[in-house]
Amino acid sequence: DEDVALAKSLLAQDKGGKIQLPKDHIVSESLEGSGELCHGQNIPSEKMGLDIGPDTIRSYSDHIKTAKTVFWNGPMGLFESKSFAKGTMEMARV
């Protein structure tokens, strides 16, 4: 919560569109199971975003392929769980 103001400030300053937010997510009410696809950036309050979705994987992959340098600051989701590791593993592969 304390970083919301910083995030809003950074997004407001991003005039060139370099910051890309997820287009979809894999969400779940618990850390168990396979989750479900949630389109857009608004995750229902009773659910957790546990991975990026297929549209985001494609978008991020296309963007990364054009980069000369990538600084990776962590996983895309709960990669320790096979059900929520696809986004992280695909980004590592790309």
PDB file of N, CA and C in Angstrom:
ATOM      1  N   ASP A   1       0.813  -1.208   0.000  1.00  0.00           N
ATOM      2  CA  ASP A   1       0.000   0.000   0.000  1.00  0.00           C
ATOM      3  C   ASP A   1       0.853   1.268   0.000  1.00  0.00           C
ATOM      4  N   GLU A   2       1.995   1.222   0.693  1.00  0.00           N
ATOM      5  CA  GLU A   2       2.821   2.426   0.786  1.00  0.00           C
ATOM      6  C   GLU A   2       3.471   2.796  -0.550  1.00  0.00           C
ATOM      7  N   ASP A   3       3.510   1.871  -1.513  1.00  0.00           N
ATOM      8  CA  ASP A   3       4.127   2.162  -2.805  1.00  0.00           C
ATOM      9  C   ASP A   3       3.137   2.571  -3.888  1.00  0.00           C
ATOM     10  N   VAL A   4       1.862   2.666  -3.532  1.00  0.00           N
ATOM     11  CA  VAL A   4       0.844   3.027  -4.519  1.00  0.00           C
ATOM     12  C   VAL A   4       1.093   4.427  -5.065  1.00  0.00           C
ATOM     13  N   ALA A   5       1.422   5.373  -4.215  1.00  0.00           N
ATOM     14  CA  ALA A   5       1.674   6.751  -4.671  1.00  0.00           C
ATOM     15  C   ALA A   5       2.877   6.791  -5.614  1.00  0.00           C
ATOM     16  N   LEU A   6       3.939   6.060  -5.282  1.00  0.00           N
ATOM     17  CA  LEU A   6       5.113   6.007  -6.152  1.00  0.00           C
ATOM     18  C   LEU A   6       4.750   5.394  -7.503  1.00  0.00           C
ATOM     19  N   ALA A   7       4.004   4.296  -7.490  1.00  0.00           N
ATOM     20  CA  ALA A   7       3.606   3.644  -8.738  1.00  0.00           C
ATOM     21  C   ALA A   7       2.769   4.577  -9.604  1.00  0.00           C
ATOM     22  N   LYS A   8       1.823   5.274  -9.005  1.00  0.00           N
ATOM     23  CA  LYS A   8       0.993   6.217  -9.766  1.00  0.00           C
ATOM     24  C   LYS A   8       1.836   7.324 -10.369  1.00  0.00           C
ATOM     25  N   SER A   9       2.810   7.805  -9.616  1.00  0.00           N
ATOM     26  CA  SER A   9       3.699   8.857 -10.107  1.00  0.00           C
ATOM     27  C   SER A   9       4.520   8.359 -11.298  1.00  0.00           C
ATOM     28  N   LEU A  10       5.078   7.167 -11.203  1.00  0.00           N
ATOM     29  CA  LEU A  10       5.869   6.608 -12.294  1.00  0.00           C
ATOM     30  C   LEU A  10       5.022   6.388 -13.541  1.00  0.00           C
ATOM     31  N   LEU A  11       3.818   5.877 -13.358  1.00  0.00           N
ATOM     32  CA  LEU A  11       2.935   5.667 -14.505  1.00  0.00           C
ATOM     33  C   LEU A  11       2.554   6.986 -15.164  1.00  0.00           C
ATOM     34  N   ALA A  12       2.331   8.019 -14.371  1.00  0.00           N
ATOM     35  CA  ALA A  12       1.970   9.331 -14.914  1.00  0.00           C
ATOM     36  C   ALA A  12       3.122   9.943 -15.714  1.00  0.00           C
ATOM     37  N   GLN A  13       4.344   9.629 -15.341  1.00  0.00           N
ATOM     38  CA  GLN A  13       5.521  10.177 -16.016  1.00  0.00           C
ATOM     39  C   GLN A  13       5.902   9.387 -17.269  1.00  0.00           C
ATOM     40  N   ASP A  14       5.322   8.233 -17.466  1.00  0.00           N
ATOM     41  CA  ASP A  14       5.686   7.344 -18.570  1.00  0.00           C
ATOM     42  C   ASP A  14       5.024   7.794 -19.868  1.00  0.00           C
ATOM     43  N   LYS A  15       5.517   8.866 -20.434  1.00  0.00           N
ATOM     44  CA  LYS A  15       4.919   9.422 -21.653  1.00  0.00           C
ATOM     45  C   LYS A  15       5.224   8.586 -22.895  1.00  0.00           C
ATOM     46  N   GLY A  16       6.316   7.798 -22.865  1.00  0.00           N
ATOM     47  CA  GLY A  16       6.683   6.994 -24.030  1.00  0.00           C
ATOM     48  C   GLY A  16       6.096   5.598 -24.024  1.00  0.00           C
ATOM     49  N   GLY A  17       5.328   5.264 -23.008  1.00  0.00           N
ATOM     50  CA  GLY A  17       4.700   3.951 -22.939  1.00  0.00           C
ATOM     51  C   GLY A  17       5.667   2.814 -22.686  1.00  0.00           C
ATOM     52  N   LYS A  18       6.769   3.097 -21.995  1.00  0.00           N
ATOM     53  CA  LYS A  18       7.752   2.043 -21.730  1.00  0.00           C
ATOM     54  C   LYS A  18       7.315   1.098 -20.620  1.00  0.00           C
ATOM     55  N   ILE A  19       6.482   1.570 -19.715  1.00  0.00           N
ATOM     56  CA  ILE A  19       5.988   0.709 -18.641  1.00  0.00           C
ATOM     57  C   ILE A  19       4.790  -0.062 -19.175  1.00  0.00           C
ATOM     58  N   GLN A  20       4.890  -1.367 -19.160  1.00  0.00           N
ATOM     59  CA  GLN A  20       3.800  -2.206 -19.658  1.00  0.00           C
ATOM     60  C   GLN A  20       3.197  -2.982 -18.499  1.00  0.00           C
ATOM     61  N   LEU A  21       1.919  -2.803 -18.295  1.00  0.00           N
ATOM     62  CA  LEU A  21       1.204  -3.525 -17.249  1.00  0.00           C
ATOM     63  C   LEU A  21       0.548  -4.769 -17.843  1.00  0.00           C
ATOM     64  N   PRO A  22       0.313  -5.780 -17.030  1.00  0.00           N
ATOM     65  CA  PRO A  22      -0.326  -7.001 -17.541  1.00  0.00           C
ATOM     66  C   PRO A  22      -1.697  -6.729 -18.154  1.00  0.00           C
ATOM     67  N   LYS A  23      -1.994  -7.449 -19.223  1.00  0.00           N
ATOM     68  CA  LYS A  23      -3.295  -7.354 -19.899  1.00  0.00           C
ATOM     69  C   LYS A  23      -4.285  -8.359 -19.307  1.00  0.00           C
ATOM     70  N   ASP A  24      -3.747  -9.429 -18.707  1.00  0.00           N
ATOM     71  CA  ASP A  24      -4.582 -10.458 -18.092  1.00  0.00           C
ATOM     72  C   ASP A  24      -3.771 -11.177 -17.016  1.00  0.00           C
ATOM     73  N   HIS A  25      -4.485 -11.890 -16.169  1.00  0.00           N
ATOM     74  CA  HIS A  25      -3.859 -12.568 -15.033  1.00  0.00           C
ATOM     75  C   HIS A  25      -4.477 -13.948 -14.835  1.00  0.00           C
ATOM     76  N   ILE A  26      -3.733 -14.795 -14.149  1.00  0.00           N
ATOM     77  CA  ILE A  26      -4.292 -16.035 -13.633  1.00  0.00           C
ATOM     78  C   ILE A  26      -4.559 -15.755 -12.156  1.00  0.00           C
ATOM     79  N   VAL A  27      -5.807 -15.901 -11.743  1.00  0.00           N
ATOM     80  CA  VAL A  27      -6.212 -15.537 -10.386  1.00  0.00           C
ATOM     81  C   VAL A  27      -6.822 -16.734  -9.667  1.00  0.00           C
ATOM     82  N   SER A  28      -6.822 -16.653  -8.342  1.00  0.00           N
ATOM     83  CA  SER A  28      -7.430 -17.702  -7.542  1.00  0.00           C
ATOM     84  C   SER A  28      -7.751 -17.147  -6.158  1.00  0.00           C
ATOM     85  N   GLU A  29      -8.689 -17.784  -5.486  1.00  0.00           N
ATOM     86  CA  GLU A  29      -9.007 -17.432  -4.106  1.00  0.00           C
ATOM     87  C   GLU A  29      -8.019 -18.062  -3.131  1.00  0.00           C
ATOM     88  N   SER A  30      -7.265 -19.067  -3.609  1.00  0.00           N
ATOM     89  CA  SER A  30      -6.300 -19.743  -2.746  1.00  0.00           C
ATOM     90  C   SER A  30      -5.048 -20.076  -3.553  1.00  0.00           C
ATOM     91  N   LEU A  31      -4.030 -20.534  -2.862  1.00  0.00           N
ATOM     92  CA  LEU A  31      -2.782 -20.904  -3.518  1.00  0.00           C
ATOM     93  C   LEU A  31      -2.836 -22.312  -4.101  1.00  0.00           C
ATOM     94  N   GLU A  32      -3.945 -22.982  -3.912  1.00  0.00           N
ATOM     95  CA  GLU A  32      -4.137 -24.338  -4.422  1.00  0.00           C
ATOM     96  C   GLU A  32      -4.899 -24.276  -5.740  1.00  0.00           C
ATOM     97  N   GLY A  33      -4.850 -25.329  -6.502  1.00  0.00           N
ATOM     98  CA  GLY A  33      -5.628 -25.416  -7.729  1.00  0.00           C
ATOM     99  C   GLY A  33      -4.928 -24.775  -8.906  1.00  0.00           C
ATOM    100  N   SER A  34      -5.678 -24.584  -9.989  1.00  0.00           N
ATOM    101  CA  SER A  34      -5.086 -24.083 -11.235  1.00  0.00           C
ATOM    102  C   SER A  34      -5.396 -22.615 -11.514  1.00  0.00           C
ATOM    103  N   GLY A  35      -6.317 -22.034 -10.805  1.00  0.00           N
ATOM    104  CA  GLY A  35      -6.682 -20.645 -11.038  1.00  0.00           C
ATOM    105  C   GLY A  35      -7.557 -20.480 -12.265  1.00  0.00           C
ATOM    106  N   GLU A  36      -7.905 -19.233 -12.536  1.00  0.00           N
ATOM    107  CA  GLU A  36      -8.746 -18.917 -13.690  1.00  0.00           C
ATOM    108  C   GLU A  36      -8.261 -17.627 -14.319  1.00  0.00           C
ATOM    109  N   LEU A  37      -8.574 -17.452 -15.580  1.00  0.00           N
ATOM    110  CA  LEU A  37      -8.139 -16.282 -16.331  1.00  0.00           C
ATOM    111  C   LEU A  37      -8.990 -15.072 -15.988  1.00  0.00           C
ATOM    112  N   CYS A  38      -8.332 -13.960 -15.760  1.00  0.00           N
ATOM    113  CA  CYS A  38      -8.995 -12.681 -15.480  1.00  0.00           C
ATOM    114  C   CYS A  38      -8.448 -11.663 -16.476  1.00  0.00           C
ATOM    115  N   HIS A  39      -9.319 -11.138 -17.337  1.00  0.00           N
ATOM    116  CA  HIS A  39      -8.885 -10.145 -18.327  1.00  0.00           C
ATOM    117  C   HIS A  39      -8.846  -8.762 -17.687  1.00  0.00           C
ATOM    118  N   GLY A  40      -7.950  -7.936 -18.166  1.00  0.00           N
ATOM    119  CA  GLY A  40      -7.837  -6.576 -17.655  1.00  0.00           C
ATOM    120  C   GLY A  40      -6.945  -6.498 -16.428  1.00  0.00           C
ATOM    121  N   GLN A  41      -6.919  -5.320 -15.833  1.00  0.00           N
ATOM    122  CA  GLN A  41      -6.026  -5.066 -14.706  1.00  0.00           C
ATOM    123  C   GLN A  41      -6.737  -5.081 -13.364  1.00  0.00           C
ATOM    124  N   ASN A  42      -8.040  -5.212 -13.366  1.00  0.00           N
ATOM    125  CA  ASN A  42      -8.791  -5.192 -12.110  1.00  0.00           C
ATOM    126  C   ASN A  42      -9.071  -6.607 -11.630  1.00  0.00           C
ATOM    127  N   ILE A  43      -8.280  -7.051 -10.668  1.00  0.00           N
ATOM    128  CA  ILE A  43      -8.456  -8.370 -10.079  1.00  0.00           C
ATOM    129  C   ILE A  43      -9.524  -8.260  -9.003  1.00  0.00           C
ATOM    130  N   PRO A  44     -10.524  -9.142  -9.018  1.00  0.00           N
ATOM    131  CA  PRO A  44     -11.565  -9.093  -7.983  1.00  0.00           C
ATOM    132  C   PRO A  44     -10.956  -9.145  -6.580  1.00  0.00           C
ATOM    133  N   SER A  45     -11.531  -8.416  -5.651  1.00  0.00           N
ATOM    134  CA  SER A  45     -10.969  -8.284  -4.304  1.00  0.00           C
ATOM    135  C   SER A  45     -10.857  -9.608  -3.561  1.00  0.00           C
ATOM    136  N   GLU A  46     -11.691 -10.584  -3.892  1.00  0.00           N
ATOM    137  CA  GLU A  46     -11.645 -11.875  -3.197  1.00  0.00           C
ATOM    138  C   GLU A  46     -10.615 -12.829  -3.809  1.00  0.00           C
ATOM    139  N   LYS A  47      -9.898 -12.379  -4.845  1.00  0.00           N
ATOM    140  CA  LYS A  47      -8.933 -13.239  -5.527  1.00  0.00           C
ATOM    141  C   LYS A  47      -7.539 -12.612  -5.492  1.00  0.00           C
ATOM    142  N   MET A  48      -6.548 -13.454  -5.749  1.00  0.00           N
ATOM    143  CA  MET A  48      -5.153 -13.018  -5.807  1.00  0.00           C
ATOM    144  C   MET A  48      -4.646 -13.210  -7.224  1.00  0.00           C
ATOM    145  N   GLY A  49      -3.861 -12.269  -7.711  1.00  0.00           N
ATOM    146  CA  GLY A  49      -3.175 -12.431  -8.981  1.00  0.00           C
ATOM    147  C   GLY A  49      -1.942 -13.290  -8.753  1.00  0.00           C
ATOM    148  N   LEU A  50      -1.905 -14.488  -9.356  1.00  0.00           N
ATOM    149  CA  LEU A  50      -0.826 -15.433  -9.071  1.00  0.00           C
ATOM    150  C   LEU A  50       0.071 -15.710 -10.271  1.00  0.00           C
ATOM    151  N   ASP A  51      -0.282 -15.192 -11.443  1.00  0.00           N
ATOM    152  CA  ASP A  51       0.556 -15.328 -12.635  1.00  0.00           C
ATOM    153  C   ASP A  51       0.025 -14.365 -13.688  1.00  0.00           C
ATOM    154  N   ILE A  52       0.834 -14.141 -14.712  1.00  0.00           N
ATOM    155  CA  ILE A  52       0.345 -13.368 -15.850  1.00  0.00           C
ATOM    156  C   ILE A  52      -0.388 -14.325 -16.796  1.00  0.00           C
ATOM    157  N   GLY A  53      -1.303 -13.773 -17.563  1.00  0.00           N
ATOM    158  CA  GLY A  53      -2.096 -14.579 -18.483  1.00  0.00           C
ATOM    159  C   GLY A  53      -1.465 -14.685 -19.859  1.00  0.00           C
ATOM    160  N   PRO A  54      -2.094 -15.426 -20.764  1.00  0.00           N
ATOM    161  CA  PRO A  54      -1.525 -15.681 -22.092  1.00  0.00           C
ATOM    162  C   PRO A  54      -1.351 -14.436 -22.960  1.00  0.00           C
ATOM    163  N   ASP A  55      -2.265 -13.480 -22.879  1.00  0.00           N
ATOM    164  CA  ASP A  55      -2.103 -12.246 -23.666  1.00  0.00           C
ATOM    165  C   ASP A  55      -0.889 -11.462 -23.188  1.00  0.00           C
ATOM    166  N   THR A  56      -0.679 -11.428 -21.892  1.00  0.00           N
ATOM    167  CA  THR A  56       0.473 -10.724 -21.331  1.00  0.00           C
ATOM    168  C   THR A  56       1.763 -11.450 -21.678  1.00  0.00           C
ATOM    169  N   ILE A  57       1.754 -12.764 -21.634  1.00  0.00           N
ATOM    170  CA  ILE A  57       2.944 -13.526 -22.017  1.00  0.00           C
ATOM    171  C   ILE A  57       3.347 -13.182 -23.447  1.00  0.00           C
ATOM    172  N   ARG A  58       2.379 -13.155 -24.368  1.00  0.00           N
ATOM    173  CA  ARG A  58       2.672 -12.804 -25.770  1.00  0.00           C
ATOM    174  C   ARG A  58       3.201 -11.378 -25.883  1.00  0.00           C
ATOM    175  N   SER A  59       2.539 -10.441 -25.218  1.00  0.00           N
ATOM    176  CA  SER A  59       2.928  -9.041 -25.297  1.00  0.00           C
ATOM    177  C   SER A  59       4.325  -8.812 -24.730  1.00  0.00           C
ATOM    178  N   TYR A  60       4.580  -9.353 -23.549  1.00  0.00           N
ATOM    179  CA  TYR A  60       5.901  -9.196 -22.925  1.00  0.00           C
ATOM    180  C   TYR A  60       6.976  -9.887 -23.762  1.00  0.00           C
ATOM    181  N   SER A  61       6.664 -11.057 -24.313  1.00  0.00           N
ATOM    182  CA  SER A  61       7.643 -11.778 -25.137  1.00  0.00           C
ATOM    183  C   SER A  61       8.026 -10.949 -26.348  1.00  0.00           C
ATOM    184  N   ASP A  62       7.039 -10.391 -27.033  1.00  0.00           N
ATOM    185  CA  ASP A  62       7.315  -9.551 -28.202  1.00  0.00           C
ATOM    186  C   ASP A  62       8.175  -8.357 -27.818  1.00  0.00           C
ATOM    187  N   HIS A  63       7.887  -7.751 -26.685  1.00  0.00           N
ATOM    188  CA  HIS A  63       8.645  -6.583 -26.228  1.00  0.00           C
ATOM    189  C   HIS A  63      10.079  -6.972 -25.872  1.00  0.00           C
ATOM    190  N   ILE A  64      10.244  -8.060 -25.157  1.00  0.00           N
ATOM    191  CA  ILE A  64      11.572  -8.503 -24.726  1.00  0.00           C
ATOM    192  C   ILE A  64      12.450  -8.855 -25.925  1.00  0.00           C
ATOM    193  N   LYS A  65      11.861  -9.434 -26.957  1.00  0.00           N
ATOM    194  CA  LYS A  65      12.634  -9.832 -28.135  1.00  0.00           C
ATOM    195  C   LYS A  65      13.277  -8.646 -28.838  1.00  0.00           C
ATOM    196  N   THR A  66      12.769  -7.439 -28.620  1.00  0.00           N
ATOM    197  CA  THR A  66      13.346  -6.246 -29.250  1.00  0.00           C
ATOM    198  C   THR A  66      14.376  -5.558 -28.352  1.00  0.00           C
ATOM    199  N   ALA A  67      14.527  -6.032 -27.121  1.00  0.00           N
ATOM    200  CA  ALA A  67      15.416  -5.381 -26.159  1.00  0.00           C
ATOM    201  C   ALA A  67      16.872  -5.798 -26.362  1.00  0.00           C
ATOM    202  N   LYS A  68      17.767  -4.872 -26.082  1.00  0.00           N
ATOM    203  CA  LYS A  68      19.192  -5.180 -26.086  1.00  0.00           C
ATOM    204  C   LYS A  68      19.636  -5.624 -24.703  1.00  0.00           C
ATOM    205  N   THR A  69      18.982  -5.117 -23.679  1.00  0.00           N
ATOM    206  CA  THR A  69      19.304  -5.447 -22.294  1.00  0.00           C
ATOM    207  C   THR A  69      18.005  -5.599 -21.520  1.00  0.00           C
ATOM    208  N   VAL A  70      17.959  -6.590 -20.645  1.00  0.00           N
ATOM    209  CA  VAL A  70      16.792  -6.805 -19.798  1.00  0.00           C
ATOM    210  C   VAL A  70      17.251  -6.894 -18.353  1.00  0.00           C
ATOM    211  N   PHE A  71      16.662  -6.072 -17.493  1.00  0.00           N
ATOM    212  CA  PHE A  71      16.871  -6.170 -16.050  1.00  0.00           C
ATOM    213  C   PHE A  71      15.634  -6.854 -15.489  1.00  0.00           C
ATOM    214  N   TRP A  72      15.825  -8.005 -14.912  1.00  0.00           N
ATOM    215  CA  TRP A  72      14.695  -8.774 -14.397  1.00  0.00           C
ATOM    216  C   TRP A  72      14.684  -8.654 -12.890  1.00  0.00           C
ATOM    217  N   ASN A  73      13.562  -8.195 -12.354  1.00  0.00           N
ATOM    218  CA  ASN A  73      13.468  -7.933 -10.920  1.00  0.00           C
ATOM    219  C   ASN A  73      12.561  -8.924 -10.203  1.00  0.00           C
ATOM    220  N   GLY A  74      12.459 -10.121 -10.700  1.00  0.00           N
ATOM    221  CA  GLY A  74      11.677 -11.121  -9.988  1.00  0.00           C
ATOM    222  C   GLY A  74      10.686 -11.850 -10.862  1.00  0.00           C
ATOM    223  N   PRO A  75      10.012 -12.829 -10.286  1.00  0.00           N
ATOM    224  CA  PRO A  75       9.088 -13.668 -11.043  1.00  0.00           C
ATOM    225  C   PRO A  75       7.794 -12.939 -11.410  1.00  0.00           C
ATOM    226  N   MET A  76       7.085 -13.533 -12.358  1.00  0.00           N
ATOM    227  CA  MET A  76       5.802 -12.985 -12.805  1.00  0.00           C
ATOM    228  C   MET A  76       4.666 -13.380 -11.886  1.00  0.00           C
ATOM    229  N   GLY A  77       4.889 -14.402 -11.086  1.00  0.00           N
ATOM    230  CA  GLY A  77       3.846 -14.884 -10.192  1.00  0.00           C
ATOM    231  C   GLY A  77       4.407 -15.855  -9.180  1.00  0.00           C
ATOM    232  N   LEU A  78       3.557 -16.710  -8.699  1.00  0.00           N
ATOM    233  CA  LEU A  78       3.925 -17.705  -7.693  1.00  0.00           C
ATOM    234  C   LEU A  78       4.561 -18.896  -8.411  1.00  0.00           C
ATOM    235  N   PHE A  79       5.794 -18.697  -8.885  1.00  0.00           N
ATOM    236  CA  PHE A  79       6.435 -19.707  -9.718  1.00  0.00           C
ATOM    237  C   PHE A  79       6.768 -20.994  -8.974  1.00  0.00           C
ATOM    238  N   GLU A  80       6.750 -20.959  -7.656  1.00  0.00           N
ATOM    239  CA  GLU A  80       7.011 -22.166  -6.870  1.00  0.00           C
ATOM    240  C   GLU A  80       5.901 -23.212  -7.044  1.00  0.00           C
ATOM    241  N   SER A  81       4.749 -22.773  -7.485  1.00  0.00           N
ATOM    242  CA  SER A  81       3.618 -23.670  -7.752  1.00  0.00           C
ATOM    243  C   SER A  81       3.527 -23.893  -9.258  1.00  0.00           C
ATOM    244  N   LYS A  82       3.511 -25.140  -9.681  1.00  0.00           N
ATOM    245  CA  LYS A  82       3.438 -25.451 -11.110  1.00  0.00           C
ATOM    246  C   LYS A  82       2.231 -24.781 -11.777  1.00  0.00           C
ATOM    247  N   SER A  83       1.152 -24.651 -11.039  1.00  0.00           N
ATOM    248  CA  SER A  83      -0.062 -24.042 -11.591  1.00  0.00           C
ATOM    249  C   SER A  83       0.110 -22.566 -11.929  1.00  0.00           C
ATOM    250  N   PHE A  84       1.077 -21.901 -11.291  1.00  0.00           N
ATOM    251  CA  PHE A  84       1.239 -20.463 -11.471  1.00  0.00           C
ATOM    252  C   PHE A  84       2.649 -20.093 -11.931  1.00  0.00           C
ATOM    253  N   ALA A  85       3.343 -21.016 -12.578  1.00  0.00           N
ATOM    254  CA  ALA A  85       4.728 -20.798 -12.986  1.00  0.00           C
ATOM    255  C   ALA A  85       4.895 -20.476 -14.468  1.00  0.00           C
ATOM    256  N   LYS A  86       3.858 -20.634 -15.269  1.00  0.00           N
ATOM    257  CA  LYS A  86       3.988 -20.505 -16.711  1.00  0.00           C
ATOM    258  C   LYS A  86       4.542 -19.139 -17.147  1.00  0.00           C
ATOM    259  N   GLY A  87       4.003 -18.065 -16.596  1.00  0.00           N
ATOM    260  CA  GLY A  87       4.476 -16.735 -16.979  1.00  0.00           C
ATOM    261  C   GLY A  87       5.947 -16.533 -16.702  1.00  0.00           C
ATOM    262  N   THR A  88       6.383 -16.925 -15.525  1.00  0.00           N
ATOM    263  CA  THR A  88       7.796 -16.775 -15.159  1.00  0.00           C
ATOM    264  C   THR A  88       8.675 -17.628 -16.074  1.00  0.00           C
ATOM    265  N   MET A  89       8.296 -18.871 -16.299  1.00  0.00           N
ATOM    266  CA  MET A  89       9.103 -19.761 -17.125  1.00  0.00           C
ATOM    267  C   MET A  89       9.171 -19.292 -18.585  1.00  0.00           C
ATOM    268  N   GLU A  90       8.054 -18.770 -19.102  1.00  0.00           N
ATOM    269  CA  GLU A  90       8.058 -18.255 -20.476  1.00  0.00           C
ATOM    270  C   GLU A  90       8.946 -17.020 -20.604  1.00  0.00           C
ATOM    271  N   MET A  91       8.910 -16.150 -19.605  1.00  0.00           N
ATOM    272  CA  MET A  91       9.772 -14.960 -19.659  1.00  0.00           C
ATOM    273  C   MET A  91      11.245 -15.369 -19.590  1.00  0.00           C
ATOM    274  N   ALA A  92      11.573 -16.348 -18.781  1.00  0.00           N
ATOM    275  CA  ALA A  92      12.957 -16.827 -18.701  1.00  0.00           C
ATOM    276  C   ALA A  92      13.388 -17.439 -20.033  1.00  0.00           C
ATOM    277  N   ARG A  93      12.480 -18.170 -20.672  1.00  0.00           N
ATOM    278  CA  ARG A  93      12.788 -18.793 -21.952  1.00  0.00           C
ATOM    279  C   ARG A  93      13.077 -17.729 -23.024  1.00  0.00           C
ATOM    280  N   VAL A  94      12.244 -16.700 -23.060  1.00  0.00           N
ATOM    281  CA  VAL A  94      12.406 -15.626 -24.047  1.00  0.00           C
ATOM    282  C   VAL A  94      13.698 -14.883 -23.795  1.00  0.00           C
TER     283      VAL A  94
END
